Amino acid sequence: MIRFANERGHICVFDKTTGKVFRAGPKALAAENQFYKLPEFMGTGVDPLFLEKQFAQLEGESCKIMVCWVRQLERLIAVERTLIGPHEGSPQDLNRALEIAPKIEIPDTNRAIMASFIALQFFRTSDAREILKLFAEHSEVYKKDVSDDEARSLQATLLCQLADGRGLVFDFARRIRESIWMFACNQSQVPFRTSSTPVLLKTPDNRKWLTGPGIFQPGMYVVFAISPTFILYCKERTWWKTLAPFDNCLSPIVITNEMAQHENSGHAGMSARFVFSPTDDFVDAKAFVANPANFLSVEELLAGG
């Protein structure tokens, strides 16, 4: 979160539920207190906060890795490279760009850590909990409405299975790890934003944002803003096989104002509540949220988006 602070150390926040914009320090925007406190372990020998403590260790490791990435990327943006538009450029242009595409050093261990971190970030949010609750009710896993405690336990079970090398979160982490990782540098006037839903999923046509049901669709890819300047795309290898040579590379594509605004629209649309930015200009986010056509109904969500 601190990577999205401005020069005064503040983060600008758009609250979708109230429409208000305010500034706060990174510590004040920490995750909901005891969000992963598991009621079924109260009064037993198991710490009800064990899951939260495990996340803290993984977050510490991933933070160090991202700091390393940003340092590498800041050095690499000074390297001359061919710049081609998102839908332009001949095969010869692509080959020339590839020849000089700056490479990011990512050891296999760090790649595995970040894949797990991104998968957990996707599934650990209150948004994901609500999606799981909807599916549990829709599939009649529970005979009655799913309570908040049941939804919390269902989410915790999925998250815990990652350490056991099984389950939905593990499968998603593996897909991320095996994807083509491309970084992009934003030198436009519109900084990248993040939100209380920091990991976004996009369709192969680069136009729409996906919810939980679509995470394993062919060509679906992860969009993860590292900072206001840098973003990571994790693209599924089969659909995006022509981009395989760019794995771990700084993309030669120019990020325009419009492209940055589109990436930011994902946070305005998919976040349950808060959108974070180094600047307090959220005009586009407010307009996006105010348009009902930008959102899926519950029925569409359960049908797979």
Protein backbone atom coordinates (compact mmCIF):
# COMPACT_ATOMS: atom_id res chain seq x y z
CA MET A 1 0.00 0.00 0.00
CA ILE A 2 2.82 2.42 0.83
CA ARG A 3 3.96 2.27 -2.81
CA PHE A 4 0.83 4.28 -3.72
CA ALA A 5 1.51 7.10 -1.27
CA ASN A 6 2.25 10.61 -2.55
CA GLU A 7 5.32 12.68 -1.72
CA ARG A 8 3.80 13.59 1.66
CA GLY A 9 3.27 9.95 2.57
CA HIS A 10 -0.50 10.10 2.13
CA ILE A 11 -2.79 7.89 0.05
CA CYS A 12 -5.88 9.38 -1.53
CA VAL A 13 -8.96 7.21 -1.06
CA PHE A 14 -12.26 7.09 -2.92
CA ASP A 15 -15.00 5.46 -0.83
CA LYS A 16 -17.52 3.98 -3.26
CA THR A 17 -20.20 3.56 -0.58
CA THR A 18 -20.27 7.24 0.38
CA GLY A 19 -18.80 8.90 -2.71
CA LYS A 20 -16.31 10.75 -0.50
CA VAL A 21 -12.60 11.28 -1.17
CA PHE A 22 -10.15 11.61 1.70
CA ARG A 23 -6.45 11.24 2.53
CA ALA A 24 -4.92 8.82 5.01
CA GLY A 25 -1.62 7.24 5.95
CA PRO A 26 -0.86 3.65 4.86
CA LYS A 27 -1.13 2.37 8.45
CA ALA A 28 -4.60 3.83 8.82
CA LEU A 29 -5.68 1.88 5.76
CA ALA A 30 -4.58 -1.49 7.11
CA ALA A 31 -6.92 -4.41 6.51
CA GLU A 32 -10.01 -4.82 8.65
CA ASN A 33 -8.97 -5.76 12.19
CA GLN A 34 -9.18 -9.52 12.79
CA PHE A 35 -10.75 -10.05 9.34
CA TYR A 36 -9.52 -13.65 9.43
CA LYS A 37 -10.34 -14.42 13.05
CA LEU A 38 -11.95 -17.86 12.79
CA PRO A 39 -14.81 -18.37 15.25
CA GLU A 40 -14.64 -22.18 15.17
CA PHE A 41 -11.27 -22.09 16.93
CA MET A 42 -12.36 -19.84 19.79
CA GLY A 43 -11.71 -21.57 23.13
CA THR A 44 -9.53 -24.30 21.59
CA GLY A 45 -5.78 -24.81 21.48
CA VAL A 46 -5.64 -23.33 17.97
CA ASP A 47 -4.98 -19.60 17.59
CA PRO A 48 -8.06 -18.13 15.84
CA LEU A 49 -5.73 -15.61 14.16
CA PHE A 50 -3.23 -18.16 12.79
CA LEU A 51 -4.26 -17.47 9.19
CA GLU A 52 -3.74 -13.74 9.57
CA LYS A 53 -0.27 -14.30 11.03
CA GLN A 54 0.71 -16.60 8.15
CA PHE A 55 -0.38 -13.94 5.66
CA ALA A 56 1.83 -11.40 7.39
CA GLN A 57 4.93 -13.52 6.73
CA LEU A 58 4.09 -13.99 3.04
CA GLU A 59 3.33 -10.29 2.66
CA GLY A 60 6.72 -9.42 4.15
CA GLU A 61 8.50 -11.64 1.63
CA SER A 62 6.47 -10.36 -1.31
CA CYS A 63 7.06 -6.73 -0.30
CA LYS A 64 10.83 -7.24 -0.46
CA ILE A 65 10.50 -8.85 -3.89
CA MET A 66 8.39 -5.98 -5.24
CA VAL A 67 10.87 -3.42 -3.90
CA CYS A 68 13.57 -5.28 -5.85
CA TRP A 69 11.40 -5.30 -8.97
CA VAL A 70 10.78 -1.55 -8.78
CA ARG A 71 14.51 -0.87 -8.44
CA GLN A 72 15.23 -3.00 -11.50
CA LEU A 73 12.41 -1.43 -13.49
CA GLU A 74 13.47 2.11 -12.63
CA ARG A 75 16.91 1.33 -14.00
CA LEU A 76 15.53 -0.33 -17.11
CA ILE A 77 13.19 2.46 -18.22
CA ALA A 78 16.27 4.45 -19.22
CA VAL A 79 17.21 1.75 -21.73
CA GLU A 80 16.31 2.58 -25.33
CA ARG A 81 13.64 0.29 -26.72
CA THR A 82 11.30 0.13 -29.67
CA LEU A 83 7.86 1.39 -28.74
CA ILE A 84 4.86 -0.15 -30.50
CA GLY A 85 1.15 0.41 -29.93
CA PRO A 86 -1.05 -2.21 -28.28
CA HIS A 87 -2.49 -3.39 -31.62
CA GLU A 88 0.17 -2.18 -34.04
CA GLY A 89 3.55 -3.31 -35.28
CA SER A 90 4.64 -5.90 -37.80
CA PRO A 91 6.39 -9.17 -36.84
CA GLN A 92 9.62 -7.36 -37.67
CA ASP A 93 8.75 -4.60 -35.18
CA LEU A 94 8.03 -7.24 -32.52
CA ASN A 95 11.33 -9.01 -33.17
CA ARG A 96 13.28 -5.76 -32.95
CA ALA A 97 11.52 -4.89 -29.71
CA LEU A 98 12.29 -8.32 -28.30
CA GLU A 99 15.98 -8.04 -29.13
CA ILE A 100 16.35 -5.09 -26.79
CA ALA A 101 13.50 -5.76 -24.33
CA PRO A 102 14.93 -5.28 -20.83
CA LYS A 103 14.71 -8.43 -18.70
CA ILE A 104 13.74 -8.55 -15.02
CA GLU A 105 15.64 -11.04 -12.89
CA ILE A 106 13.10 -13.26 -11.13
CA PRO A 107 14.47 -16.39 -9.41
CA ASP A 108 12.12 -19.38 -9.41
CA THR A 109 11.69 -19.10 -5.63
CA ASN A 110 10.57 -15.48 -5.91
CA ARG A 111 8.22 -16.36 -8.73
CA ALA A 112 6.57 -19.04 -6.61
CA ILE A 113 6.26 -16.65 -3.64
CA MET A 114 4.68 -13.92 -5.75
CA ALA A 115 2.31 -16.35 -7.48
CA SER A 116 1.05 -17.52 -4.09
CA PHE A 117 0.84 -13.94 -2.84
CA ILE A 118 -1.20 -12.78 -5.85
CA ALA A 119 -3.54 -15.78 -5.60
CA LEU A 120 -4.09 -15.10 -1.89
CA GLN A 121 -4.65 -11.41 -2.56
CA PHE A 122 -7.38 -12.34 -5.01
CA PHE A 123 -9.17 -14.78 -2.71
CA ARG A 124 -8.66 -13.12 0.67
CA THR A 125 -10.78 -10.02 0.11
CA SER A 126 -14.26 -9.32 1.40
CA ASP A 127 -15.32 -9.25 -2.26
CA ALA A 128 -14.13 -12.84 -2.73
CA ARG A 129 -15.88 -13.88 0.47
CA GLU A 130 -19.16 -12.52 -0.84
CA ILE A 131 -18.68 -14.34 -4.16
CA LEU A 132 -18.02 -17.61 -2.32
CA LYS A 133 -21.10 -16.99 -0.19
CA LEU A 134 -23.23 -16.47 -3.29
CA PHE A 135 -21.97 -19.67 -4.88
CA ALA A 136 -22.46 -21.70 -1.71
CA GLU A 137 -26.06 -20.53 -1.51
CA HIS A 138 -26.67 -20.99 -5.23
CA SER A 139 -25.26 -24.54 -5.25
CA GLU A 140 -27.21 -25.38 -2.08
CA VAL A 141 -24.06 -26.44 -0.22
CA TYR A 142 -25.87 -25.09 2.83
CA LYS A 143 -29.55 -25.88 3.42
CA LYS A 144 -30.20 -22.33 4.55
CA ASP A 145 -28.68 -18.93 3.95
CA VAL A 146 -24.93 -18.82 4.54
CA SER A 147 -24.09 -16.88 7.70
CA ASP A 148 -21.14 -14.51 7.93
CA ASP A 149 -19.26 -17.00 10.12
CA GLU A 150 -19.89 -19.84 7.64
CA ALA A 151 -18.68 -17.68 4.77
CA ARG A 152 -15.58 -16.77 6.78
CA SER A 153 -14.83 -20.44 7.47
CA LEU A 154 -15.43 -21.42 3.83
CA GLN A 155 -12.98 -18.78 2.68
CA ALA A 156 -10.40 -19.77 5.31
CA THR A 157 -10.60 -23.42 4.24
CA LEU A 158 -9.76 -22.51 0.64
CA LEU A 159 -6.90 -20.26 1.70
CA CYS A 160 -5.42 -22.86 4.06
CA GLN A 161 -5.37 -25.48 1.30
CA LEU A 162 -2.71 -23.48 -0.55
CA ALA A 163 -0.07 -24.63 1.97
CA ASP A 164 -1.18 -28.24 1.39
CA GLY A 165 -0.66 -27.97 -2.36
CA ARG A 166 -4.30 -28.48 -3.26
CA GLY A 167 -7.55 -26.66 -3.73
CA LEU A 168 -8.79 -23.66 -5.71
CA VAL A 169 -6.25 -21.14 -4.43
CA PHE A 170 -3.34 -23.52 -5.12
CA ASP A 171 -4.59 -24.16 -8.66
CA PHE A 172 -4.86 -20.43 -9.28
CA ALA A 173 -1.37 -19.81 -7.86
CA ARG A 174 0.02 -22.50 -10.16
CA ARG A 175 -1.65 -20.95 -13.17
CA ILE A 176 -0.19 -17.56 -12.27
CA ARG A 177 3.27 -19.05 -11.74
CA GLU A 178 3.16 -20.74 -15.16
CA SER A 179 1.89 -17.62 -16.96
CA ILE A 180 3.89 -15.18 -19.07
CA TRP A 181 4.91 -12.31 -16.79
CA MET A 182 5.16 -8.93 -18.50
CA PHE A 183 5.79 -5.61 -16.79
CA ALA A 184 4.70 -2.25 -18.17
CA CYS A 185 5.86 1.24 -17.31
CA ASN A 186 3.33 4.04 -17.02
CA GLN A 187 4.78 7.41 -18.01
CA SER A 188 1.39 8.95 -18.79
CA GLN A 189 -0.29 11.68 -16.76
CA VAL A 190 -2.66 9.15 -15.14
CA PRO A 191 -1.09 7.11 -12.32
CA PHE A 192 -2.06 3.49 -11.81
CA ARG A 193 -4.35 2.90 -8.84
CA THR A 194 -5.02 -0.04 -6.58
CA SER A 195 -7.93 -0.91 -4.31
CA SER A 196 -9.28 -3.18 -1.63
CA THR A 197 -9.41 -5.71 -4.49
CA PRO A 198 -5.79 -5.40 -5.66
CA VAL A 199 -5.76 -8.32 -8.12
CA LEU A 200 -7.86 -7.94 -11.26
CA LEU A 201 -8.71 -10.39 -14.04
CA LYS A 202 -9.20 -9.40 -17.67
CA THR A 203 -10.69 -11.15 -20.70
CA PRO A 204 -8.50 -12.11 -23.70
CA ASP A 205 -9.89 -9.22 -25.76
CA ASN A 206 -8.45 -6.80 -23.15
CA ARG A 207 -11.86 -5.15 -22.68
CA LYS A 208 -13.75 -6.65 -19.74
CA TRP A 209 -13.07 -7.44 -16.12
CA LEU A 210 -13.85 -10.92 -14.81
CA THR A 211 -15.20 -12.14 -11.49
CA GLY A 212 -14.39 -15.38 -9.68
CA PRO A 213 -16.23 -17.76 -12.04
CA GLY A 214 -13.97 -16.89 -14.94
CA ILE A 215 -10.54 -17.27 -13.40
CA PHE A 216 -9.56 -20.37 -15.42
CA GLN A 217 -10.96 -19.30 -18.79
CA PRO A 218 -8.53 -19.64 -21.73
CA GLY A 219 -6.70 -16.38 -22.32
CA MET A 220 -7.80 -14.79 -19.04
CA TYR A 221 -4.96 -12.86 -17.47
CA VAL A 222 -4.08 -11.21 -14.18
CA VAL A 223 -3.54 -7.46 -13.85
CA PHE A 224 -1.66 -6.40 -10.72
CA ALA A 225 -0.56 -2.79 -10.17
CA ILE A 226 2.76 -2.74 -8.32
CA SER A 227 2.93 1.05 -8.01
CA PRO A 228 1.52 4.15 -9.75
CA THR A 229 4.24 3.64 -12.37
CA PHE A 230 4.54 -0.13 -12.84
CA ILE A 231 2.06 -2.91 -13.50
CA LEU A 232 2.37 -6.68 -13.91
CA TYR A 233 0.43 -8.77 -16.42
CA CYS A 234 0.36 -12.57 -15.95
CA LYS A 235 -0.87 -13.99 -19.26
CA GLU A 236 -2.00 -17.58 -19.76
CA ARG A 237 0.59 -19.29 -21.97
CA THR A 238 -1.58 -21.18 -24.46
CA TRP A 239 -3.68 -18.24 -25.62
CA TRP A 240 -0.80 -15.74 -25.45
CA LYS A 241 1.96 -18.06 -26.74
CA THR A 242 3.31 -15.45 -29.18
CA LEU A 243 4.29 -13.32 -26.17
CA ALA A 244 6.26 -16.11 -24.49
CA PRO A 245 9.65 -14.56 -25.43
CA PHE A 246 8.66 -11.50 -23.38
CA ASP A 247 8.37 -13.49 -20.15
CA ASN A 248 9.92 -11.46 -17.29
CA CYS A 249 10.44 -8.51 -19.64
CA LEU A 250 9.60 -4.83 -19.52
CA SER A 251 6.95 -4.44 -22.21
CA PRO A 252 7.74 -2.24 -25.23
CA ILE A 253 4.14 -1.01 -25.29
CA VAL A 254 3.47 2.64 -24.52
CA ILE A 255 0.96 3.17 -21.70
CA THR A 256 -1.28 6.06 -22.75
CA ASN A 257 -3.63 8.07 -20.55
CA GLU A 258 -6.55 6.06 -21.93
CA MET A 259 -4.87 2.74 -21.20
CA ALA A 260 -4.05 3.77 -17.63
CA GLN A 261 -7.64 4.92 -17.12
CA HIS A 262 -8.90 1.56 -18.40
CA GLU A 263 -6.70 -0.37 -15.98
CA ASN A 264 -7.93 1.90 -13.19
CA SER A 265 -11.55 1.27 -14.14
CA GLY A 266 -11.09 -2.31 -12.98
CA HIS A 267 -10.50 -1.10 -9.43
CA ALA A 268 -13.48 1.26 -9.59
CA GLY A 269 -15.67 -1.59 -10.76
CA MET A 270 -14.41 -4.63 -8.89
CA SER A 271 -13.52 -3.19 -5.48
CA ALA A 272 -16.20 -3.57 -2.82
CA ARG A 273 -15.47 -0.17 -1.33
CA PHE A 274 -12.09 1.62 -1.45
CA VAL A 275 -9.97 2.79 -4.40
CA PHE A 276 -6.44 4.06 -3.65
CA SER A 277 -4.33 6.58 -5.57
CA PRO A 278 -1.46 9.03 -5.02
CA THR A 279 -3.74 11.82 -6.35
CA ASP A 280 -7.23 12.90 -5.33
CA ASP A 281 -8.67 13.05 -8.85
CA PHE A 282 -11.35 10.32 -8.95
CA VAL A 283 -13.69 11.90 -11.52
CA ASP A 284 -13.40 8.92 -13.87
CA ALA A 285 -13.88 6.42 -11.02
CA LYS A 286 -17.04 8.18 -9.84
CA ALA A 287 -18.43 8.20 -13.39
CA PHE A 288 -17.67 4.50 -13.80
CA VAL A 289 -19.36 3.58 -10.52
CA ALA A 290 -22.40 5.72 -11.35
CA ASN A 291 -23.08 3.78 -14.58
CA PRO A 292 -25.09 0.59 -13.87
CA ALA A 293 -24.13 -0.82 -17.28
CA ASN A 294 -20.59 -1.35 -15.99
CA PHE A 295 -21.69 -3.94 -13.44
CA LEU A 296 -23.03 -7.49 -13.50
CA SER A 297 -26.22 -8.53 -11.77
CA VAL A 298 -26.15 -11.38 -9.25
CA GLU A 299 -27.78 -13.63 -11.86
CA GLU A 300 -25.08 -12.79 -14.43
CA LEU A 301 -22.37 -13.36 -11.82
CA LEU A 302 -23.69 -16.82 -10.94
CA ALA A 303 -23.96 -17.64 -14.63
CA GLY A 304 -20.24 -17.00 -15.00
CA GLY A 305 -20.06 -13.31 -15.81
